[in-house]
N, C-alpha and C. Protein backbone atom coordinates (compact mmCIF):
# COMPACT_ATOMS: atom_id res chain seq x y z
N MET A 1 9.48 223.30 208.57
CA MET A 1 9.41 222.80 209.91
C MET A 1 8.73 223.79 210.98
N CYS A 2 8.34 222.97 211.80
CA CYS A 2 7.59 223.82 212.75
C CYS A 2 8.07 223.91 214.15
N GLU A 3 9.05 223.84 214.31
CA GLU A 3 9.90 223.74 215.67
C GLU A 3 10.16 225.13 216.07
N ALA A 4 10.37 225.40 217.61
CA ALA A 4 10.63 226.73 218.02
C ALA A 4 11.69 226.57 218.86
N ASN A 5 12.36 227.76 219.34
CA ASN A 5 13.37 227.68 220.22
C ASN A 5 12.84 228.22 221.46
N ALA A 6 13.21 227.61 222.54
CA ALA A 6 12.65 227.86 223.91
C ALA A 6 13.70 228.90 224.76
N TYR A 7 13.15 229.68 225.35
CA TYR A 7 13.99 230.73 226.19
C TYR A 7 13.35 230.64 227.64
N ILE A 8 14.47 230.92 228.63
CA ILE A 8 14.06 231.27 230.05
C ILE A 8 13.83 232.64 230.24
N TYR A 9 12.93 233.35 230.67
CA TYR A 9 12.84 234.65 231.33
C TYR A 9 13.26 234.81 232.56
N GLU A 10 14.38 235.59 232.75
CA GLU A 10 14.86 235.92 233.89
C GLU A 10 15.53 236.98 234.18
N ASN A 11 15.13 237.68 235.41
CA ASN A 11 15.79 239.21 235.50
C ASN A 11 15.64 240.14 234.42
N GLY A 12 14.37 240.04 233.77
CA GLY A 12 14.02 241.12 232.64
C GLY A 12 14.55 240.46 231.22
N GLU A 13 15.36 239.26 231.23
CA GLU A 13 15.92 238.96 229.97
C GLU A 13 15.35 237.65 229.51
N GLU A 14 15.46 237.42 228.37
CA GLU A 14 15.26 236.22 227.82
C GLU A 14 16.75 235.37 227.52
N ARG A 15 16.88 234.16 227.98
CA ARG A 15 18.08 233.13 227.62
C ARG A 15 17.76 232.03 226.77
N LEU A 16 18.39 231.74 225.75
CA LEU A 16 18.11 230.67 225.11
C LEU A 16 18.19 229.23 226.13
N TYR A 17 17.30 228.37 225.88
CA TYR A 17 17.20 227.22 226.88
C TYR A 17 17.37 226.00 226.07
N LEU A 18 16.64 225.80 225.02
CA LEU A 18 16.62 224.89 224.03
C LEU A 18 16.24 225.17 222.65
N GLU A 19 17.09 224.70 221.96
CA GLU A 19 16.87 224.92 220.25
C GLU A 19 15.95 223.87 219.69
N SER A 20 15.27 224.30 218.84
CA SER A 20 14.61 223.24 217.95
C SER A 20 13.71 222.48 218.62
N VAL A 21 13.07 223.05 219.32
CA VAL A 21 11.94 222.13 220.37
C VAL A 21 11.03 221.53 219.30
N ASP A 22 10.59 220.31 219.61
CA ASP A 22 9.82 219.63 218.77
C ASP A 22 8.49 219.28 219.65
N ILE A 23 8.76 218.79 220.95
CA ILE A 23 7.57 218.63 221.92
C ILE A 23 7.78 219.42 223.07
N LEU A 24 6.79 220.17 223.51
CA LEU A 24 6.50 220.68 224.93
C LEU A 24 5.43 219.95 225.58
N ARG A 25 5.50 219.55 226.83
CA ARG A 25 4.51 218.82 227.59
C ARG A 25 4.50 219.43 229.00
N PRO A 26 3.43 220.08 229.39
CA PRO A 26 3.25 220.56 230.87
C PRO A 26 2.97 219.29 231.48
N GLU A 27 3.56 219.11 232.77
CA GLU A 27 3.47 217.98 233.66
C GLU A 27 3.20 218.49 235.18
N GLY A 28 2.15 218.92 235.52
CA GLY A 28 1.93 219.49 236.71
C GLY A 28 2.59 220.82 236.82
N ASP A 29 3.47 221.12 237.93
CA ASP A 29 4.36 222.34 237.80
C ASP A 29 5.61 222.20 237.02
N ARG A 30 5.68 221.13 236.24
CA ARG A 30 7.26 221.05 235.46
C ARG A 30 6.65 221.11 233.98
N ILE A 31 7.68 221.37 233.18
CA ILE A 31 7.54 221.64 231.87
C ILE A 31 8.55 220.62 231.17
N TYR A 32 8.26 219.55 230.28
CA TYR A 32 9.08 218.80 229.81
C TYR A 32 9.21 219.25 228.11
N LEU A 33 10.49 219.29 227.82
CA LEU A 33 10.86 219.65 226.25
C LEU A 33 11.68 218.61 225.82
N ARG A 34 11.55 218.43 224.50
CA ARG A 34 12.43 217.47 223.66
C ARG A 34 12.51 218.30 222.25
N ASN A 35 14.06 218.20 221.74
CA ASN A 35 14.11 218.79 220.56
C ASN A 35 14.42 217.91 219.31
N LEU A 36 14.50 218.19 218.21
CA LEU A 36 14.61 217.40 217.21
C LEU A 36 15.71 216.30 217.13
N PHE A 37 16.84 216.70 217.98
CA PHE A 37 17.97 215.82 218.05
C PHE A 37 17.88 214.92 219.23
N GLY A 38 16.70 214.84 219.99
CA GLY A 38 16.60 213.93 220.91
C GLY A 38 17.05 214.39 222.41
N GLU A 39 17.50 215.67 222.49
CA GLU A 39 17.92 216.13 223.69
C GLU A 39 16.72 216.65 224.51
N GLN A 40 16.53 216.27 225.77
CA GLN A 40 15.61 216.49 226.50
C GLN A 40 15.88 217.28 227.87
N LYS A 41 14.77 218.14 228.10
CA LYS A 41 15.18 219.12 229.32
C LYS A 41 13.87 219.17 230.06
N GLU A 42 14.02 219.43 231.40
CA GLU A 42 12.51 219.63 232.14
C GLU A 42 13.02 220.67 233.03
N LEU A 43 11.89 221.41 233.42
CA LEU A 43 12.09 222.48 234.45
C LEU A 43 10.84 222.70 235.13
N LYS A 44 11.04 223.40 236.36
CA LYS A 44 9.83 223.53 237.17
C LYS A 44 9.53 225.02 236.67
N GLY A 45 8.31 225.25 236.20
CA GLY A 45 8.03 226.51 235.62
C GLY A 45 6.71 226.52 235.09
N ARG A 46 6.52 227.63 234.28
CA ARG A 46 5.29 228.00 233.45
C ARG A 46 5.63 228.58 232.22
N ILE A 47 4.52 228.43 231.38
CA ILE A 47 4.70 228.97 230.07
C ILE A 47 4.33 230.55 230.18
N LYS A 48 5.05 231.48 229.74
CA LYS A 48 4.81 232.90 229.99
C LYS A 48 4.51 233.35 228.42
N GLU A 49 4.89 232.75 227.35
CA GLU A 49 4.33 233.05 226.17
C GLU A 49 4.93 232.18 225.13
N ILE A 50 3.90 232.01 223.94
CA ILE A 50 4.23 231.21 222.83
C ILE A 50 3.96 231.93 221.51
N SER A 51 4.77 232.47 220.75
CA SER A 51 4.50 232.88 219.60
C SER A 51 4.94 232.01 218.52
N LEU A 52 3.73 231.65 217.76
CA LEU A 52 3.89 230.32 216.50
C LEU A 52 4.46 231.07 215.22
N LEU A 53 4.22 232.47 215.14
CA LEU A 53 4.65 233.03 214.02
C LEU A 53 6.25 233.35 214.12
N SER A 54 6.93 233.64 215.28
CA SER A 54 8.15 233.75 215.53
C SER A 54 8.74 232.39 215.78
N HIS A 55 8.16 231.48 215.97
CA HIS A 55 8.76 230.19 216.41
C HIS A 55 9.70 230.31 217.69
N LYS A 56 8.76 230.93 218.81
CA LYS A 56 9.44 231.31 220.12
C LYS A 56 8.60 230.64 221.05
N ILE A 57 9.15 230.04 222.13
CA ILE A 57 8.52 229.60 223.42
C ILE A 57 9.42 230.43 224.61
N VAL A 58 8.69 231.04 225.46
CA VAL A 58 9.07 231.92 226.45
C VAL A 58 8.72 231.26 227.86
N LEU A 59 9.56 230.65 228.60
CA LEU A 59 9.27 230.05 229.84
C LEU A 59 9.56 230.91 231.20
N GLU A 60 9.03 230.72 232.22
CA GLU A 60 9.53 231.40 233.62
C GLU A 60 9.61 230.30 234.63
N ARG A 61 10.72 230.20 235.46
CA ARG A 61 10.81 229.50 236.42
C ARG A 61 10.14 229.72 237.66
N VAL A 62 9.58 228.87 238.34
CA VAL A 62 8.69 228.72 239.49
C VAL A 62 9.43 227.94 240.52
N GLU A 63 9.59 228.76 241.69
CA GLU A 63 10.20 228.12 242.84
C GLU A 63 9.50 227.62 243.70
């Protein structure tokens, strides 16, 4: 499988935001995520880093 876990980078730390992300779609200043189980989340932010080898997505909130 090729899903990844999404993390929020805040205060110098990464916190798990959503596991098994299947879809990540930037929509203007927002990021839409959906995982394999149908759970959906959306946040105002930006992509900080994606590591395909580690199956890891790091996001940052934008105010």
